[in-house]
C-alpha atoms as a PDB file:
ATOM      1  CA  UNK A   1     152.116  34.179 107.689  1.00  0.00           C
ATOM      2  CA  UNK A   2     149.012  35.911 108.948  1.00  0.00           C
ATOM      3  CA  UNK A   3     146.711  37.807 106.686  1.00  0.00           C
ATOM      4  CA  UNK A   4     144.623  40.844 107.860  1.00  0.00           C
ATOM      5  CA  UNK A   5     141.136  40.743 106.404  1.00  0.00           C
ATOM      6  CA  UNK A   6     139.005  43.909 106.544  1.00  0.00           C
ATOM      7  CA  UNK A   7     135.298  43.640 106.511  1.00  0.00           C
ATOM      8  CA  UNK A   8     134.061  45.342 103.332  1.00  0.00           C
ATOM      9  CA  UNK A   9     131.922  48.520 103.550  1.00  0.00           C
ATOM     10  CA  UNK A  10     128.366  48.153 102.548  1.00  0.00           C
ATOM     11  CA  UNK A  11     126.958  50.924 100.284  1.00  0.00           C
ATOM     12  CA  UNK A  12     123.786  52.103 101.961  1.00  0.00           C
ATOM     13  CA  UNK A  13     123.057  54.819  99.450  1.00  0.00           C
ATOM     14  CA  UNK A  14     121.596  53.383  96.220  1.00  0.00           C
ATOM     15  CA  UNK A  15     121.672  56.823  94.591  1.00  0.00           C
ATOM     16  CA  UNK A  16     125.474  57.117  95.277  1.00  0.00           C
ATOM     17  CA  UNK A  17     126.001  53.499  93.972  1.00  0.00           C
ATOM     18  CA  UNK A  18     123.973  54.192  90.758  1.00  0.00           C
ATOM     19  CA  UNK A  19     126.104  57.482  90.220  1.00  0.00           C
ATOM     20  CA  UNK A  20     129.305  55.345  90.558  1.00  0.00           C
ATOM     21  CA  UNK A  21     128.091  52.805  88.036  1.00  0.00           C
ATOM     22  CA  UNK A  22     127.029  55.544  85.506  1.00  0.00           C
ATOM     23  CA  UNK A  23     130.543  57.089  86.055  1.00  0.00           C
ATOM     24  CA  UNK A  24     132.182  53.760  85.280  1.00  0.00           C
ATOM     25  CA  UNK A  25     129.920  53.351  82.163  1.00  0.00           C
ATOM     26  CA  UNK A  26     131.232  56.664  80.793  1.00  0.00           C
ATOM     27  CA  UNK A  27     134.846  55.512  81.325  1.00  0.00           C
ATOM     28  CA  UNK A  28     134.381  51.964  79.984  1.00  0.00           C
ATOM     29  CA  UNK A  29     132.315  52.227  76.801  1.00  0.00           C
ATOM     30  CA  UNK A  30     133.546  48.868  75.386  1.00  0.00           C
ATOM     31  CA  UNK A  31     132.150  46.944  78.369  1.00  0.00           C
ATOM     32  CA  UNK A  32     128.832  45.175  77.797  1.00  0.00           C
ATOM     33  CA  UNK A  33     125.781  46.439  79.667  1.00  0.00           C
ATOM     34  CA  UNK A  34     125.335  43.175  81.680  1.00  0.00           C
ATOM     35  CA  UNK A  35     128.738  43.658  83.305  1.00  0.00           C
ATOM     36  CA  UNK A  36     127.656  46.994  84.738  1.00  0.00           C
ATOM     37  CA  UNK A  37     124.539  45.354  86.225  1.00  0.00           C
ATOM     38  CA  UNK A  38     126.441  42.530  87.584  1.00  0.00           C
ATOM     39  CA  UNK A  39     129.195  44.770  88.876  1.00  0.00           C
ATOM     40  CA  UNK A  40     126.368  46.738  90.661  1.00  0.00           C
ATOM     41  CA  UNK A  41     125.139  43.573  92.333  1.00  0.00           C
ATOM     42  CA  UNK A  42     128.681  42.689  93.519  1.00  0.00           C
ATOM     43  CA  UNK A  43     129.139  46.217  94.891  1.00  0.00           C
ATOM     44  CA  UNK A  44     125.872  46.099  96.826  1.00  0.00           C
ATOM     45  CA  UNK A  45     126.681  42.542  98.164  1.00  0.00           C
ATOM     46  CA  UNK A  46     130.381  42.752  98.790  1.00  0.00           C
ATOM     47  CA  UNK A  47     130.902  46.492  99.432  1.00  0.00           C
ATOM     48  CA  UNK A  48     133.263  46.841  96.579  1.00  0.00           C
ATOM     49  CA  UNK A  49     133.572  49.867  94.322  1.00  0.00           C
ATOM     50  CA  UNK A  50     131.991  49.187  91.024  1.00  0.00           C
ATOM     51  CA  UNK A  51     134.768  50.823  88.952  1.00  0.00           C
ATOM     52  CA  UNK A  52     137.221  48.346  90.720  1.00  0.00           C
ATOM     53  CA  UNK A  53     135.097  45.378  89.809  1.00  0.00           C
ATOM     54  CA  UNK A  54     134.781  46.595  86.203  1.00  0.00           C
ATOM     55  CA  UNK A  55     138.501  47.316  85.858  1.00  0.00           C
ATOM     56  CA  UNK A  56     139.418  43.829  87.192  1.00  0.00           C
ATOM     57  CA  UNK A  57     136.878  42.263  84.746  1.00  0.00           C
ATOM     58  CA  UNK A  58     138.287  44.214  81.859  1.00  0.00           C
ATOM     59  CA  UNK A  59     141.855  43.288  82.634  1.00  0.00           C
ATOM     60  CA  UNK A  60     140.938  39.512  82.952  1.00  0.00           C
ATOM     61  CA  UNK A  61     138.895  39.590  79.667  1.00  0.00           C
ATOM     62  CA  UNK A  62     141.728  41.188  77.772  1.00  0.00           C
ATOM     63  CA  UNK A  63     144.338  38.777  79.108  1.00  0.00           C
ATOM     64  CA  UNK A  64     142.158  35.810  78.193  1.00  0.00           C
ATOM     65  CA  UNK A  65     141.369  37.185  74.830  1.00  0.00           C
ATOM     66  CA  UNK A  66     144.898  38.093  73.732  1.00  0.00           C
ATOM     67  CA  UNK A  67     146.974  35.573  75.682  1.00  0.00           C
ATOM     68  CA  UNK A  68     144.466  32.795  75.635  1.00  0.00           C
ATOM     69  CA  UNK A  69     143.381  33.179  71.937  1.00  0.00           C
ATOM     70  CA  UNK A  70     139.639  33.290  72.955  1.00  0.00           C
ATOM     71  CA  UNK A  71     136.915  35.237  71.341  1.00  0.00           C
ATOM     72  CA  UNK A  72     135.939  38.348  73.157  1.00  0.00           C
ATOM     73  CA  UNK A  73     132.596  36.986  74.172  1.00  0.00           C
ATOM     74  CA  UNK A  74     134.070  33.839  75.580  1.00  0.00           C
ATOM     75  CA  UNK A  75     136.956  35.705  77.265  1.00  0.00           C
ATOM     76  CA  UNK A  76     134.289  38.048  79.017  1.00  0.00           C
ATOM     77  CA  UNK A  77     132.317  35.084  80.291  1.00  0.00           C
ATOM     78  CA  UNK A  78     135.289  33.408  81.778  1.00  0.00           C
ATOM     79  CA  UNK A  79     136.593  36.777  83.156  1.00  0.00           C
ATOM     80  CA  UNK A  80     133.348  37.571  84.810  1.00  0.00           C
ATOM     81  CA  UNK A  81     133.275  34.139  86.349  1.00  0.00           C
ATOM     82  CA  UNK A  82     136.719  34.688  87.811  1.00  0.00           C
ATOM     83  CA  UNK A  83     135.970  38.216  88.899  1.00  0.00           C
ATOM     84  CA  UNK A  84     132.708  37.229  90.655  1.00  0.00           C
ATOM     85  CA  UNK A  85     134.358  34.292  92.399  1.00  0.00           C
ATOM     86  CA  UNK A  86     137.173  36.567  93.638  1.00  0.00           C
ATOM     87  CA  UNK A  87     134.859  39.213  95.186  1.00  0.00           C
ATOM     88  CA  UNK A  88     132.566  36.514  96.814  1.00  0.00           C
ATOM     89  CA  UNK A  89     135.598  34.718  98.272  1.00  0.00           C
ATOM     90  CA  UNK A  90     136.813  38.006  99.689  1.00  0.00           C
ATOM     91  CA  UNK A  91     133.368  38.561 101.328  1.00  0.00           C
ATOM     92  CA  UNK A  92     133.522  35.096 102.839  1.00  0.00           C
ATOM     93  CA  UNK A  93     136.939  35.742 104.370  1.00  0.00           C
ATOM     94  CA  UNK A  94     135.695  39.037 105.854  1.00  0.00           C
ATOM     95  CA  UNK A  95     132.910  37.584 107.707  1.00  0.00           C
END
């Protein structure tokens, strides 16, 4: 089975990216500040939308917290590790 891999878009406009991150902050008030900084880094490096990265992170953290019985802090650390690895893997496949 073949898989089509699209090369991610790179965000050339830092102002637009900052606006997207600030919009995501307004919609995700329960997400720690370090996640927005890290999501911005991933967005710049991988061409991802910051809100998509944050949404994926939030879903993974919630699943680990509620289904895995972890503290929120531990769930967030593991969720970010998974999310970051997924986007970096996607970037590797697109090259």
